[in-house]
Amino acid sequence: MDLVVRTDVSDAKVLFTVSKKIRKNVLRNRIKRRLREIYRLSQYEIPSPLHIAMIGKAGVLEANFHDLQIEFLKTLSKIMDS
């Protein structure tokens, strides 16, 4: 999963997208559902306002959900600290 974050904004927005290298719509939609759920469970821990783009890759399907959520929060905190 890749993250693109923009901090100099006045409102919060989130974009969920998946690489077109994943050919099957079913798999792309499943990845987007996982990304949305990660954001939904973590949205109150995210400092606002931010624009976040979550770009899903094939590894999102094989990874443990809890590990993905921890990675998301860790990466976001690193971005905010720099």
PDB file of N, CA and C in Angstrom:
ATOM      1  N   MET A   1       0.856  -1.169   0.000  1.00  0.00           N
ATOM      2  CA  MET A   1       0.000   0.000   0.000  1.00  0.00           C
ATOM      3  C   MET A   1       0.900   1.229   0.000  1.00  0.00           C
ATOM      4  N   ASP A   2       0.567   2.176  -0.832  1.00  0.00           N
ATOM      5  CA  ASP A   2       1.277   3.449  -0.873  1.00  0.00           C
ATOM      6  C   ASP A   2       0.379   4.527  -0.288  1.00  0.00           C
ATOM      7  N   LEU A   3       0.999   5.506   0.340  1.00  0.00           N
ATOM      8  CA  LEU A   3       0.265   6.639   0.895  1.00  0.00           C
ATOM      9  C   LEU A   3       0.811   7.923   0.317  1.00  0.00           C
ATOM     10  N   VAL A   4      -0.081   8.803  -0.070  1.00  0.00           N
ATOM     11  CA  VAL A   4       0.278  10.155  -0.474  1.00  0.00           C
ATOM     12  C   VAL A   4      -0.519  11.079   0.433  1.00  0.00           C
ATOM     13  N   VAL A   5       0.198  11.962   1.139  1.00  0.00           N
ATOM     14  CA  VAL A   5      -0.454  12.811   2.131  1.00  0.00           C
ATOM     15  C   VAL A   5      -0.117  14.264   1.843  1.00  0.00           C
ATOM     16  N   ARG A   6      -1.112  15.097   1.958  1.00  0.00           N
ATOM     17  CA  ARG A   6      -0.934  16.540   1.817  1.00  0.00           C
ATOM     18  C   ARG A   6      -1.428  17.192   3.100  1.00  0.00           C
ATOM     19  N   THR A   7      -0.575  17.994   3.729  1.00  0.00           N
ATOM     20  CA  THR A   7      -0.900  18.549   5.041  1.00  0.00           C
ATOM     21  C   THR A   7      -1.359  19.995   5.009  1.00  0.00           C
ATOM     22  N   ASP A   8      -1.084  20.718   3.957  1.00  0.00           N
ATOM     23  CA  ASP A   8      -1.410  22.147   3.912  1.00  0.00           C
ATOM     24  C   ASP A   8      -2.806  22.385   3.334  1.00  0.00           C
ATOM     25  N   VAL A   9      -3.807  21.809   3.977  1.00  0.00           N
ATOM     26  CA  VAL A   9      -5.183  21.904   3.494  1.00  0.00           C
ATOM     27  C   VAL A   9      -6.090  22.352   4.634  1.00  0.00           C
ATOM     28  N   SER A  10      -7.281  22.795   4.285  1.00  0.00           N
ATOM     29  CA  SER A  10      -8.213  23.273   5.309  1.00  0.00           C
ATOM     30  C   SER A  10      -9.308  22.263   5.639  1.00  0.00           C
ATOM     31  N   ASP A  11      -9.457  21.219   4.813  1.00  0.00           N
ATOM     32  CA  ASP A  11     -10.471  20.201   5.086  1.00  0.00           C
ATOM     33  C   ASP A  11      -9.881  18.817   4.854  1.00  0.00           C
ATOM     34  N   ALA A  12     -10.509  17.793   5.413  1.00  0.00           N
ATOM     35  CA  ALA A  12     -10.010  16.422   5.297  1.00  0.00           C
ATOM     36  C   ALA A  12     -10.683  15.704   4.135  1.00  0.00           C
ATOM     37  N   LYS A  13      -9.864  15.019   3.337  1.00  0.00           N
ATOM     38  CA  LYS A  13     -10.374  14.213   2.233  1.00  0.00           C
ATOM     39  C   LYS A  13      -9.541  12.942   2.137  1.00  0.00           C
ATOM     40  N   VAL A  14     -10.186  11.879   1.664  1.00  0.00           N
ATOM     41  CA  VAL A  14      -9.502  10.598   1.513  1.00  0.00           C
ATOM     42  C   VAL A  14      -9.850  10.008   0.152  1.00  0.00           C
ATOM     43  N   LEU A  15      -8.843   9.469  -0.520  1.00  0.00           N
ATOM     44  CA  LEU A  15      -9.007   8.828  -1.818  1.00  0.00           C
ATOM     45  C   LEU A  15      -8.547   7.380  -1.698  1.00  0.00           C
ATOM     46  N   PHE A  16      -9.355   6.453  -2.173  1.00  0.00           N
ATOM     47  CA  PHE A  16      -9.006   5.038  -2.188  1.00  0.00           C
ATOM     48  C   PHE A  16      -8.926   4.603  -3.647  1.00  0.00           C
ATOM     49  N   THR A  17      -7.793   4.066  -4.041  1.00  0.00           N
ATOM     50  CA  THR A  17      -7.629   3.609  -5.413  1.00  0.00           C
ATOM     51  C   THR A  17      -6.754   2.361  -5.426  1.00  0.00           C
ATOM     52  N   VAL A  18      -6.835   1.618  -6.516  1.00  0.00           N
ATOM     53  CA  VAL A  18      -6.081   0.377  -6.651  1.00  0.00           C
ATOM     54  C   VAL A  18      -5.405   0.369  -8.009  1.00  0.00           C
ATOM     55  N   SER A  19      -4.204  -0.161  -8.044  1.00  0.00           N
ATOM     56  CA  SER A  19      -3.429  -0.255  -9.268  1.00  0.00           C
ATOM     57  C   SER A  19      -4.172  -1.064 -10.332  1.00  0.00           C
ATOM     58  N   LYS A  20      -4.123  -0.618 -11.578  1.00  0.00           N
ATOM     59  CA  LYS A  20      -4.777  -1.323 -12.681  1.00  0.00           C
ATOM     60  C   LYS A  20      -4.034  -2.614 -13.056  1.00  0.00           C
ATOM     61  N   LYS A  21      -2.875  -2.844 -12.450  1.00  0.00           N
ATOM     62  CA  LYS A  21      -2.161  -4.093 -12.699  1.00  0.00           C
ATOM     63  C   LYS A  21      -2.943  -5.288 -12.155  1.00  0.00           C
ATOM     64  N   ILE A  22      -3.827  -5.023 -11.228  1.00  0.00           N
ATOM     65  CA  ILE A  22      -4.717  -6.059 -10.729  1.00  0.00           C
ATOM     66  C   ILE A  22      -5.911  -6.074 -11.674  1.00  0.00           C
ATOM     67  N   ARG A  23      -5.996  -7.075 -12.505  1.00  0.00           N
ATOM     68  CA  ARG A  23      -6.940  -7.099 -13.614  1.00  0.00           C
ATOM     69  C   ARG A  23      -8.384  -7.353 -13.198  1.00  0.00           C
ATOM     70  N   LYS A  24      -8.612  -8.164 -12.186  1.00  0.00           N
ATOM     71  CA  LYS A  24      -9.978  -8.557 -11.855  1.00  0.00           C
ATOM     72  C   LYS A  24     -10.654  -7.527 -10.965  1.00  0.00           C
ATOM     73  N   ASN A  25     -11.856  -7.130 -11.368  1.00  0.00           N
ATOM     74  CA  ASN A  25     -12.615  -6.139 -10.611  1.00  0.00           C
ATOM     75  C   ASN A  25     -12.911  -6.603  -9.197  1.00  0.00           C
ATOM     76  N   VAL A  26     -13.168  -7.877  -9.039  1.00  0.00           N
ATOM     77  CA  VAL A  26     -13.491  -8.417  -7.720  1.00  0.00           C
ATOM     78  C   VAL A  26     -12.333  -8.190  -6.752  1.00  0.00           C
ATOM     79  N   LEU A  27     -11.122  -8.426  -7.212  1.00  0.00           N
ATOM     80  CA  LEU A  27      -9.951  -8.245  -6.359  1.00  0.00           C
ATOM     81  C   LEU A  27      -9.701  -6.774  -6.065  1.00  0.00           C
ATOM     82  N   ARG A  28      -9.859  -5.926  -7.089  1.00  0.00           N
ATOM     83  CA  ARG A  28      -9.677  -4.484  -6.865  1.00  0.00           C
ATOM     84  C   ARG A  28     -10.687  -3.961  -5.851  1.00  0.00           C
ATOM     85  N   ASN A  29     -11.937  -4.401  -5.955  1.00  0.00           N
ATOM     86  CA  ASN A  29     -12.960  -3.958  -5.007  1.00  0.00           C
ATOM     87  C   ASN A  29     -12.689  -4.479  -3.605  1.00  0.00           C
ATOM     88  N   ARG A  30     -12.186  -5.693  -3.491  1.00  0.00           N
ATOM     89  CA  ARG A  30     -11.862  -6.240  -2.180  1.00  0.00           C
ATOM     90  C   ARG A  30     -10.736  -5.443  -1.518  1.00  0.00           C
ATOM     91  N   ILE A  31      -9.742  -5.047  -2.313  1.00  0.00           N
ATOM     92  CA  ILE A  31      -8.651  -4.233  -1.781  1.00  0.00           C
ATOM     93  C   ILE A  31      -9.183  -2.882  -1.316  1.00  0.00           C
ATOM     94  N   LYS A  32     -10.041  -2.266  -2.122  1.00  0.00           N
ATOM     95  CA  LYS A  32     -10.610  -0.968  -1.726  1.00  0.00           C
ATOM     96  C   LYS A  32     -11.440  -1.083  -0.462  1.00  0.00           C
ATOM     97  N   ARG A  33     -12.178  -2.165  -0.295  1.00  0.00           N
ATOM     98  CA  ARG A  33     -12.950  -2.370   0.933  1.00  0.00           C
ATOM     99  C   ARG A  33     -12.043  -2.485   2.145  1.00  0.00           C
ATOM    100  N   ARG A  34     -10.927  -3.180   1.981  1.00  0.00           N
ATOM    101  CA  ARG A  34      -9.972  -3.305   3.096  1.00  0.00           C
ATOM    102  C   ARG A  34      -9.367  -1.939   3.439  1.00  0.00           C
ATOM    103  N   LEU A  35      -9.021  -1.159   2.423  1.00  0.00           N
ATOM    104  CA  LEU A  35      -8.449   0.171   2.670  1.00  0.00           C
ATOM    105  C   LEU A  35      -9.459   1.082   3.362  1.00  0.00           C
ATOM    106  N   ARG A  36     -10.713   1.030   2.925  1.00  0.00           N
ATOM    107  CA  ARG A  36     -11.754   1.849   3.563  1.00  0.00           C
ATOM    108  C   ARG A  36     -11.937   1.468   5.028  1.00  0.00           C
ATOM    109  N   GLU A  37     -11.895   0.178   5.305  1.00  0.00           N
ATOM    110  CA  GLU A  37     -12.070  -0.280   6.677  1.00  0.00           C
ATOM    111  C   GLU A  37     -10.880   0.126   7.542  1.00  0.00           C
ATOM    112  N   ILE A  38      -9.682   0.079   7.002  1.00  0.00           N
ATOM    113  CA  ILE A  38      -8.502   0.537   7.740  1.00  0.00           C
ATOM    114  C   ILE A  38      -8.664   2.003   8.096  1.00  0.00           C
ATOM    115  N   TYR A  39      -9.098   2.799   7.132  1.00  0.00           N
ATOM    116  CA  TYR A  39      -9.297   4.216   7.412  1.00  0.00           C
ATOM    117  C   TYR A  39     -10.423   4.436   8.425  1.00  0.00           C
ATOM    118  N   ARG A  40     -11.523   3.714   8.269  1.00  0.00           N
ATOM    119  CA  ARG A  40     -12.666   3.892   9.165  1.00  0.00           C
ATOM    120  C   ARG A  40     -12.295   3.598  10.612  1.00  0.00           C
ATOM    121  N   LEU A  41     -11.512   2.558  10.834  1.00  0.00           N
ATOM    122  CA  LEU A  41     -11.125   2.192  12.190  1.00  0.00           C
ATOM    123  C   LEU A  41     -10.068   3.133  12.765  1.00  0.00           C
ATOM    124  N   SER A  42      -9.325   3.815  11.898  1.00  0.00           N
ATOM    125  CA  SER A  42      -8.213   4.652  12.355  1.00  0.00           C
ATOM    126  C   SER A  42      -8.489   6.145  12.248  1.00  0.00           C
ATOM    127  N   GLN A  43      -9.642   6.551  11.759  1.00  0.00           N
ATOM    128  CA  GLN A  43      -9.870   7.955  11.431  1.00  0.00           C
ATOM    129  C   GLN A  43      -9.799   8.879  12.648  1.00  0.00           C
ATOM    130  N   TYR A  44     -10.090   8.373  13.831  1.00  0.00           N
ATOM    131  CA  TYR A  44     -10.059   9.232  15.015  1.00  0.00           C
ATOM    132  C   TYR A  44      -8.660   9.383  15.585  1.00  0.00           C
ATOM    133  N   GLU A  45      -7.720   8.576  15.111  1.00  0.00           N
ATOM    134  CA  GLU A  45      -6.331   8.689  15.540  1.00  0.00           C
ATOM    135  C   GLU A  45      -5.514   9.557  14.586  1.00  0.00           C
ATOM    136  N   ILE A  46      -6.112   9.970  13.487  1.00  0.00           N
ATOM    137  CA  ILE A  46      -5.418  10.758  12.475  1.00  0.00           C
ATOM    138  C   ILE A  46      -5.602  12.235  12.782  1.00  0.00           C
ATOM    139  N   PRO A  47      -4.487  12.976  12.865  1.00  0.00           N
ATOM    140  CA  PRO A  47      -4.635  14.416  13.053  1.00  0.00           C
ATOM    141  C   PRO A  47      -5.248  15.039  11.812  1.00  0.00           C
ATOM    142  N   SER A  48      -6.174  15.941  12.002  1.00  0.00           N
ATOM    143  CA  SER A  48      -6.843  16.525  10.845  1.00  0.00           C
ATOM    144  C   SER A  48      -6.432  17.972  10.705  1.00  0.00           C
ATOM    145  N   PRO A  49      -6.598  18.595   9.629  1.00  0.00           N
ATOM    146  CA  PRO A  49      -7.087  18.102   8.342  1.00  0.00           C
ATOM    147  C   PRO A  49      -5.936  17.604   7.470  1.00  0.00           C
ATOM    148  N   LEU A  50      -6.179  16.565   6.733  1.00  0.00           N
ATOM    149  CA  LEU A  50      -5.217  15.984   5.796  1.00  0.00           C
ATOM    150  C   LEU A  50      -5.945  15.548   4.533  1.00  0.00           C
ATOM    151  N   HIS A  51      -5.225  15.561   3.439  1.00  0.00           N
ATOM    152  CA  HIS A  51      -5.687  14.880   2.230  1.00  0.00           C
ATOM    153  C   HIS A  51      -4.842  13.621   2.132  1.00  0.00           C
ATOM    154  N   ILE A  52      -5.491  12.462   2.103  1.00  0.00           N
ATOM    155  CA  ILE A  52      -4.789  11.190   2.077  1.00  0.00           C
ATOM    156  C   ILE A  52      -5.224  10.418   0.843  1.00  0.00           C
ATOM    157  N   ALA A  53      -4.245   9.909   0.094  1.00  0.00           N
ATOM    158  CA  ALA A  53      -4.526   9.006  -1.019  1.00  0.00           C
ATOM    159  C   ALA A  53      -3.935   7.653  -0.651  1.00  0.00           C
ATOM    160  N   MET A  54      -4.799   6.641  -0.547  1.00  0.00           N
ATOM    161  CA  MET A  54      -4.369   5.285  -0.237  1.00  0.00           C
ATOM    162  C   MET A  54      -4.411   4.480  -1.526  1.00  0.00           C
ATOM    163  N   ILE A  55      -3.238   4.029  -1.971  1.00  0.00           N
ATOM    164  CA  ILE A  55      -3.127   3.310  -3.231  1.00  0.00           C
ATOM    165  C   ILE A  55      -2.842   1.844  -2.920  1.00  0.00           C
ATOM    166  N   GLY A  56      -3.799   0.989  -3.239  1.00  0.00           N
ATOM    167  CA  GLY A  56      -3.692  -0.425  -2.922  1.00  0.00           C
ATOM    168  C   GLY A  56      -2.883  -1.195  -3.942  1.00  0.00           C
ATOM    169  N   LYS A  57      -2.134  -2.160  -3.453  1.00  0.00           N
ATOM    170  CA  LYS A  57      -1.351  -3.062  -4.296  1.00  0.00           C
ATOM    171  C   LYS A  57      -1.801  -4.494  -4.015  1.00  0.00           C
ATOM    172  N   ALA A  58      -1.260  -5.439  -4.733  1.00  0.00           N
ATOM    173  CA  ALA A  58      -1.680  -6.837  -4.598  1.00  0.00           C
ATOM    174  C   ALA A  58      -1.378  -7.394  -3.210  1.00  0.00           C
ATOM    175  N   GLY A  59      -0.346  -6.908  -2.551  1.00  0.00           N
ATOM    176  CA  GLY A  59       0.029  -7.409  -1.235  1.00  0.00           C
ATOM    177  C   GLY A  59      -1.008  -7.153  -0.164  1.00  0.00           C
ATOM    178  N   VAL A  60      -1.926  -6.231  -0.402  1.00  0.00           N
ATOM    179  CA  VAL A  60      -2.967  -5.922   0.581  1.00  0.00           C
ATOM    180  C   VAL A  60      -3.872  -7.126   0.798  1.00  0.00           C
ATOM    181  N   LEU A  61      -4.072  -7.940  -0.230  1.00  0.00           N
ATOM    182  CA  LEU A  61      -4.945  -9.111  -0.102  1.00  0.00           C
ATOM    183  C   LEU A  61      -4.320 -10.204   0.757  1.00  0.00           C
ATOM    184  N   GLU A  62      -3.008 -10.374   0.668  1.00  0.00           N
ATOM    185  CA  GLU A  62      -2.353 -11.449   1.402  1.00  0.00           C
ATOM    186  C   GLU A  62      -1.984 -11.055   2.830  1.00  0.00           C
ATOM    187  N   ALA A  63      -1.866  -9.769   3.100  1.00  0.00           N
ATOM    188  CA  ALA A  63      -1.398  -9.313   4.410  1.00  0.00           C
ATOM    189  C   ALA A  63      -2.489  -9.437   5.467  1.00  0.00           C
ATOM    190  N   ASN A  64      -2.045  -9.579   6.697  1.00  0.00           N
ATOM    191  CA  ASN A  64      -2.949  -9.609   7.844  1.00  0.00           C
ATOM    192  C   ASN A  64      -3.557  -8.223   8.022  1.00  0.00           C
ATOM    193  N   PHE A  65      -4.855  -8.160   8.290  1.00  0.00           N
ATOM    194  CA  PHE A  65      -5.547  -6.876   8.385  1.00  0.00           C
ATOM    195  C   PHE A  65      -4.991  -6.006   9.504  1.00  0.00           C
ATOM    196  N   HIS A  66      -4.745  -6.607  10.655  1.00  0.00           N
ATOM    197  CA  HIS A  66      -4.227  -5.853  11.812  1.00  0.00           C
ATOM    198  C   HIS A  66      -2.847  -5.278  11.495  1.00  0.00           C
ATOM    199  N   ASP A  67      -2.007  -6.043  10.805  1.00  0.00           N
ATOM    200  CA  ASP A  67      -0.684  -5.553  10.412  1.00  0.00           C
ATOM    201  C   ASP A  67      -0.787  -4.382   9.444  1.00  0.00           C
ATOM    202  N   LEU A  68      -1.747  -4.437   8.537  1.00  0.00           N
ATOM    203  CA  LEU A  68      -1.960  -3.324   7.604  1.00  0.00           C
ATOM    204  C   LEU A  68      -2.363  -2.054   8.341  1.00  0.00           C
ATOM    205  N   GLN A  69      -3.238  -2.212   9.325  1.00  0.00           N
ATOM    206  CA  GLN A  69      -3.691  -1.059  10.085  1.00  0.00           C
ATOM    207  C   GLN A  69      -2.538  -0.436  10.871  1.00  0.00           C
ATOM    208  N   ILE A  70      -1.718  -1.254  11.489  1.00  0.00           N
ATOM    209  CA  ILE A  70      -0.560  -0.750  12.241  1.00  0.00           C
ATOM    210  C   ILE A  70       0.414  -0.056  11.296  1.00  0.00           C
ATOM    211  N   GLU A  71       0.663  -0.654  10.132  1.00  0.00           N
ATOM    212  CA  GLU A  71       1.565  -0.048   9.146  1.00  0.00           C
ATOM    213  C   GLU A  71       1.036   1.308   8.678  1.00  0.00           C
ATOM    214  N   PHE A  72      -0.269   1.395   8.454  1.00  0.00           N
ATOM    215  CA  PHE A  72      -0.885   2.651   8.027  1.00  0.00           C
ATOM    216  C   PHE A  72      -0.659   3.744   9.075  1.00  0.00           C
ATOM    217  N   LEU A  73      -0.945   3.437  10.329  1.00  0.00           N
ATOM    218  CA  LEU A  73      -0.781   4.438  11.385  1.00  0.00           C
ATOM    219  C   LEU A  73       0.683   4.812  11.597  1.00  0.00           C
ATOM    220  N   LYS A  74       1.577   3.822  11.497  1.00  0.00           N
ATOM    221  CA  LYS A  74       3.002   4.089  11.674  1.00  0.00           C
ATOM    222  C   LYS A  74       3.527   5.005  10.564  1.00  0.00           C
ATOM    223  N   THR A  75       3.138   4.700   9.330  1.00  0.00           N
ATOM    224  CA  THR A  75       3.577   5.503   8.187  1.00  0.00           C
ATOM    225  C   THR A  75       3.013   6.922   8.269  1.00  0.00           C
ATOM    226  N   LEU A  76       1.771   7.032   8.677  1.00  0.00           N
ATOM    227  CA  LEU A  76       1.161   8.345   8.803  1.00  0.00           C
ATOM    228  C   LEU A  76       1.831   9.171   9.896  1.00  0.00           C
ATOM    229  N   SER A  77       2.189   8.545  10.998  1.00  0.00           N
ATOM    230  CA  SER A  77       2.865   9.284  12.075  1.00  0.00           C
ATOM    231  C   SER A  77       4.253   9.727  11.640  1.00  0.00           C
ATOM    232  N   LYS A  78       4.964   8.904  10.847  1.00  0.00           N
ATOM    233  CA  LYS A  78       6.264   9.314  10.325  1.00  0.00           C
ATOM    234  C   LYS A  78       6.134  10.525   9.422  1.00  0.00           C
ATOM    235  N   ILE A  79       5.100  10.518   8.578  1.00  0.00           N
ATOM    236  CA  ILE A  79       4.881  11.648   7.675  1.00  0.00           C
ATOM    237  C   ILE A  79       4.587  12.914   8.462  1.00  0.00           C
ATOM    238  N   MET A  80       3.788  12.797   9.494  1.00  0.00           N
ATOM    239  CA  MET A  80       3.413  13.974  10.291  1.00  0.00           C
ATOM    240  C   MET A  80       4.579  14.508  11.100  1.00  0.00           C
ATOM    241  N   ASP A  81       5.510  13.643  11.522  1.00  0.00           N
ATOM    242  CA  ASP A  81       6.664  14.071  12.311  1.00  0.00           C
ATOM    243  C   ASP A  81       7.687  14.818  11.467  1.00  0.00           C
ATOM    244  N   SER A  82       7.751  14.517  10.158  1.00  0.00           N
ATOM    245  CA  SER A  82       8.748  15.185   9.328  1.00  0.00           C
ATOM    246  C   SER A  82       8.267  16.480   8.750  1.00  0.00           C
TER     247      SER A  82
END
